[in-house]
N, C-alpha and C. Protein backbone atom coordinates (compact mmCIF):
# COMPACT_ATOMS: atom_id res chain seq x y z
N MET A 1 106.84 93.98 158.06
CA MET A 1 107.58 92.90 157.39
C MET A 1 108.60 93.51 156.41
N PRO A 2 109.83 93.71 156.84
CA PRO A 2 110.83 94.32 155.96
C PRO A 2 111.26 93.41 154.82
N THR A 3 111.15 92.10 155.01
CA THR A 3 111.61 91.17 153.97
C THR A 3 110.77 91.32 152.71
N ILE A 4 109.45 91.46 152.88
CA ILE A 4 108.57 91.57 151.71
C ILE A 4 108.87 92.86 150.96
N SER A 5 109.04 93.97 151.69
CA SER A 5 109.31 95.25 151.02
C SER A 5 110.67 95.18 150.32
N ALA A 6 111.65 94.58 150.96
CA ALA A 6 112.97 94.45 150.33
C ALA A 6 112.86 93.60 149.07
N ARG A 7 112.09 92.52 149.16
CA ARG A 7 111.92 91.65 147.99
C ARG A 7 111.23 92.41 146.86
N ALA A 8 110.20 93.18 147.22
CA ALA A 8 109.48 93.95 146.21
C ALA A 8 110.41 94.97 145.56
N SER A 9 111.21 95.66 146.38
CA SER A 9 112.14 96.65 145.82
C SER A 9 113.16 95.96 144.92
N ARG A 10 113.62 94.78 145.33
CA ARG A 10 114.57 94.04 144.50
C ARG A 10 113.93 93.67 143.17
N GLU A 11 112.70 93.20 143.23
CA GLU A 11 112.01 92.83 141.99
C GLU A 11 111.82 94.06 141.11
N LYS A 12 111.49 95.19 141.73
CA LYS A 12 111.32 96.43 140.95
C LYS A 12 112.64 96.80 140.28
N VAL A 13 113.72 96.72 141.03
CA VAL A 13 115.04 97.07 140.46
C VAL A 13 115.38 96.11 139.33
N LEU A 14 115.12 94.83 139.54
CA LEU A 14 115.42 93.84 138.51
C LEU A 14 114.60 94.11 137.25
N THR A 15 113.32 94.38 137.43
CA THR A 15 112.48 94.65 136.26
C THR A 15 112.93 95.92 135.56
N LEU A 16 113.31 96.94 136.35
CA LEU A 16 113.78 98.19 135.74
C LEU A 16 115.07 97.96 134.95
N THR A 17 116.00 97.21 135.54
CA THR A 17 117.26 96.95 134.84
C THR A 17 117.00 96.11 133.59
N LEU A 18 116.11 95.14 133.70
CA LEU A 18 115.78 94.31 132.53
C LEU A 18 115.18 95.18 131.44
N LEU A 19 114.27 96.07 131.83
CA LEU A 19 113.65 96.96 130.83
C LEU A 19 114.70 97.87 130.21
N LEU A 20 115.60 98.39 131.04
CA LEU A 20 116.64 99.29 130.52
C LEU A 20 117.56 98.55 129.57
N HIS A 21 117.82 97.27 129.86
CA HIS A 21 118.70 96.50 128.97
C HIS A 21 117.96 96.00 127.75
N ILE A 22 116.67 95.68 127.90
CA ILE A 22 115.91 95.09 126.79
C ILE A 22 115.41 96.17 125.84
N SER A 23 114.93 97.29 126.38
CA SER A 23 114.33 98.31 125.51
C SER A 23 115.30 98.83 124.45
N PRO A 24 116.57 99.12 124.76
CA PRO A 24 117.48 99.56 123.69
C PRO A 24 117.67 98.49 122.64
N ALA A 25 117.75 97.23 123.07
CA ALA A 25 117.92 96.15 122.10
C ALA A 25 116.69 96.06 121.20
N VAL A 26 115.51 96.18 121.79
CA VAL A 26 114.28 96.13 120.99
C VAL A 26 114.23 97.33 120.05
N MET A 27 114.62 98.50 120.54
CA MET A 27 114.60 99.69 119.69
C MET A 27 115.58 99.53 118.54
N THR A 28 116.78 99.05 118.83
CA THR A 28 117.77 98.87 117.76
C THR A 28 117.29 97.82 116.77
N LEU A 29 116.67 96.75 117.28
CA LEU A 29 116.16 95.72 116.37
C LEU A 29 115.08 96.30 115.48
N ALA A 30 114.17 97.08 116.06
CA ALA A 30 113.11 97.69 115.25
C ALA A 30 113.70 98.64 114.23
N LEU A 31 114.69 99.43 114.64
CA LEU A 31 115.34 100.36 113.71
C LEU A 31 116.02 99.60 112.58
N VAL A 32 116.74 98.55 112.92
CA VAL A 32 117.45 97.77 111.89
C VAL A 32 116.44 97.13 110.94
N LEU A 33 115.36 96.58 111.50
CA LEU A 33 114.35 95.95 110.64
C LEU A 33 113.72 96.97 109.71
N SER A 34 113.37 98.12 110.25
CA SER A 34 112.74 99.15 109.40
C SER A 34 113.73 99.64 108.35
N LEU A 35 114.98 99.84 108.76
CA LEU A 35 115.99 100.31 107.80
C LEU A 35 116.23 99.26 106.71
N THR A 36 116.31 98.00 107.10
CA THR A 36 116.56 96.95 106.11
C THR A 36 115.38 96.83 105.15
N THR A 37 114.16 96.91 105.67
CA THR A 37 113.00 96.82 104.79
C THR A 37 112.98 98.01 103.84
N ALA A 38 113.27 99.21 104.37
CA ALA A 38 113.29 100.40 103.51
C ALA A 38 114.40 100.27 102.47
N ARG A 39 115.55 99.75 102.88
CA ARG A 39 116.67 99.59 101.95
C ARG A 39 116.32 98.58 100.88
N VAL A 40 115.68 97.49 101.28
CA VAL A 40 115.31 96.46 100.30
C VAL A 40 114.31 97.03 99.30
N LEU A 41 113.31 97.76 99.82
CA LEU A 41 112.31 98.35 98.92
C LEU A 41 112.97 99.38 98.00
N ARG A 42 113.81 100.24 98.59
CA ARG A 42 114.50 101.23 97.77
C ARG A 42 115.50 100.56 96.84
N GLY A 43 116.20 99.54 97.36
CA GLY A 43 117.21 98.86 96.58
C GLY A 43 116.62 98.20 95.34
N SER A 44 115.45 97.59 95.48
CA SER A 44 114.84 96.94 94.32
C SER A 44 114.51 97.98 93.25
N SER A 45 113.90 99.09 93.66
CA SER A 45 113.57 100.14 92.68
C SER A 45 114.85 100.79 92.16
N PHE A 46 115.82 101.01 93.07
CA PHE A 46 117.07 101.63 92.65
C PHE A 46 117.83 100.72 91.68
N LEU A 47 117.84 99.42 91.97
CA LEU A 47 118.52 98.48 91.07
C LEU A 47 117.83 98.47 89.72
N GLY A 48 116.51 98.54 89.72
CA GLY A 48 115.79 98.58 88.45
C GLY A 48 116.17 99.81 87.65
N ILE A 49 116.27 100.96 88.32
CA ILE A 49 116.64 102.20 87.62
C ILE A 49 118.06 102.08 87.08
N VAL A 50 118.97 101.54 87.91
CA VAL A 50 120.37 101.42 87.49
C VAL A 50 120.46 100.47 86.30
N ARG A 51 119.72 99.39 86.33
CA ARG A 51 119.76 98.43 85.22
C ARG A 51 119.24 99.10 83.95
N HIS A 52 118.18 99.87 84.08
CA HIS A 52 117.65 100.55 82.89
C HIS A 52 118.68 101.55 82.35
N ARG A 53 119.36 102.24 83.26
CA ARG A 53 120.36 103.22 82.82
C ARG A 53 121.53 102.51 82.15
N ASN A 54 121.97 101.41 82.76
CA ASN A 54 123.11 100.68 82.19
C ASN A 54 122.76 100.11 80.83
N LEU A 55 121.54 99.63 80.68
CA LEU A 55 121.13 99.07 79.38
C LEU A 55 120.96 100.22 78.39
């Protein structure tokens, strides 16, 4: 049955392309989230230090 094998290969290719397109987006989102959280945490402490220095 060549149709089933062709369908399976098509599904495999589709899933691979979806993973290739989705994984970078997920990685970038995770990186941005981690960077923003780190920046917010650092920013709050950094702002506190700057305020103390300015005062």
